[in-house]
């Protein structure tokens, strides 16, 4: 592994940061989990490390422009029309 400062420097050289990588991973995982209607939105928030479901809702809306519920509805409609 790398020392924290070395990792920070390498990420900066790559034009990113730990927080940017974490945010992107959470975005990708949230979409993956929300496609499974058996997983509650509150459980998705918990799995991704959000202490409050409302914070997850805000982050998801920032990432996708839609709420988790709207995303699920759109996914369900897309499945039925495919």
Protein backbone atom coordinates (compact mmCIF):
# COMPACT_ATOMS: atom_id res chain seq x y z
CA UNK A 1 0.00 0.00 0.00
CA UNK A 2 0.81 3.65 -0.13
CA UNK A 3 1.27 6.15 2.64
CA UNK A 4 -1.75 8.51 2.73
CA UNK A 5 0.25 11.46 1.38
CA UNK A 6 1.70 9.35 -1.46
CA UNK A 7 -1.77 8.15 -2.43
CA UNK A 8 -3.08 11.71 -2.34
CA UNK A 9 -0.24 12.87 -4.59
CA UNK A 10 -0.77 10.00 -7.07
CA UNK A 11 -4.49 10.70 -7.25
CA UNK A 12 -3.79 14.40 -7.79
CA UNK A 13 -1.40 13.53 -10.62
CA UNK A 14 -4.23 11.46 -12.16
CA UNK A 15 -6.54 14.47 -11.89
CA UNK A 16 -8.79 13.05 -9.18
CA UNK A 17 -9.11 12.70 -5.42
CA UNK A 18 -10.18 10.12 -2.87
CA UNK A 19 -13.50 11.92 -2.40
CA UNK A 20 -14.14 12.04 -6.15
CA UNK A 21 -13.44 8.30 -6.43
CA UNK A 22 -15.67 7.55 -3.45
CA UNK A 23 -18.46 9.69 -4.92
CA UNK A 24 -18.22 7.93 -8.29
CA UNK A 25 -18.20 4.47 -6.69
CA UNK A 26 -21.23 5.35 -4.59
CA UNK A 27 -23.03 6.61 -7.71
CA UNK A 28 -22.34 3.42 -9.64
CA UNK A 29 -23.28 1.16 -6.73
CA UNK A 30 -26.45 3.11 -6.01
CA UNK A 31 -27.67 2.53 -9.57
CA UNK A 32 -26.75 -1.16 -9.33
CA UNK A 33 -28.58 -1.63 -6.00
CA UNK A 34 -31.64 0.42 -6.99
CA UNK A 35 -32.19 -1.80 -10.01
CA UNK A 36 -33.04 -4.55 -7.49
CA UNK A 37 -36.54 -3.66 -6.25
CA UNK A 38 -36.07 -6.08 -3.32
CA UNK A 39 -33.55 -3.71 -1.69
CA UNK A 40 -35.17 -0.81 0.17
CA UNK A 41 -33.86 2.68 -0.58
CA UNK A 42 -32.94 3.04 3.10
CA UNK A 43 -30.88 -0.17 2.84
CA UNK A 44 -29.09 1.18 -0.25
CA UNK A 45 -28.26 4.35 1.69
CA UNK A 46 -26.88 2.28 4.56
CA UNK A 47 -24.88 -0.02 2.25
CA UNK A 48 -23.23 3.02 0.66
CA UNK A 49 -22.26 4.54 4.00
CA UNK A 50 -24.84 7.31 4.30
CA UNK A 51 -25.88 7.97 7.89
CA UNK A 52 -29.22 9.44 6.77
CA UNK A 53 -31.51 8.37 3.94
CA UNK A 54 -32.14 12.05 3.17
CA UNK A 55 -28.41 12.56 2.50
CA UNK A 56 -28.50 9.65 0.06
CA UNK A 57 -31.55 11.15 -1.69
CA UNK A 58 -29.71 14.46 -2.14
CA UNK A 59 -26.57 12.75 -3.43
CA UNK A 60 -28.53 10.55 -5.85
CA UNK A 61 -30.41 13.56 -7.21
CA UNK A 62 -27.06 15.37 -7.67
CA UNK A 63 -25.62 12.35 -9.52
CA UNK A 64 -28.58 11.54 -11.75
CA UNK A 65 -30.96 14.50 -11.72
CA UNK A 66 -33.72 12.27 -10.36
CA UNK A 67 -34.76 10.81 -7.01
CA UNK A 68 -34.19 7.14 -6.15
CA UNK A 69 -37.95 6.51 -6.37
CA UNK A 70 -38.23 8.18 -9.77
CA UNK A 71 -35.24 6.18 -10.96
CA UNK A 72 -36.88 2.92 -9.89
CA UNK A 73 -40.14 3.87 -11.58
CA UNK A 74 -38.32 4.68 -14.83
CA UNK A 75 -36.44 1.36 -14.61
CA UNK A 76 -39.71 -0.55 -14.08
CA UNK A 77 -41.33 1.17 -17.07
CA UNK A 78 -38.28 0.43 -19.22
CA UNK A 79 -38.39 -3.27 -18.23
CA UNK A 80 -42.06 -3.58 -19.14
CA UNK A 81 -41.69 -1.83 -22.48
CA UNK A 82 -38.64 -3.88 -23.52
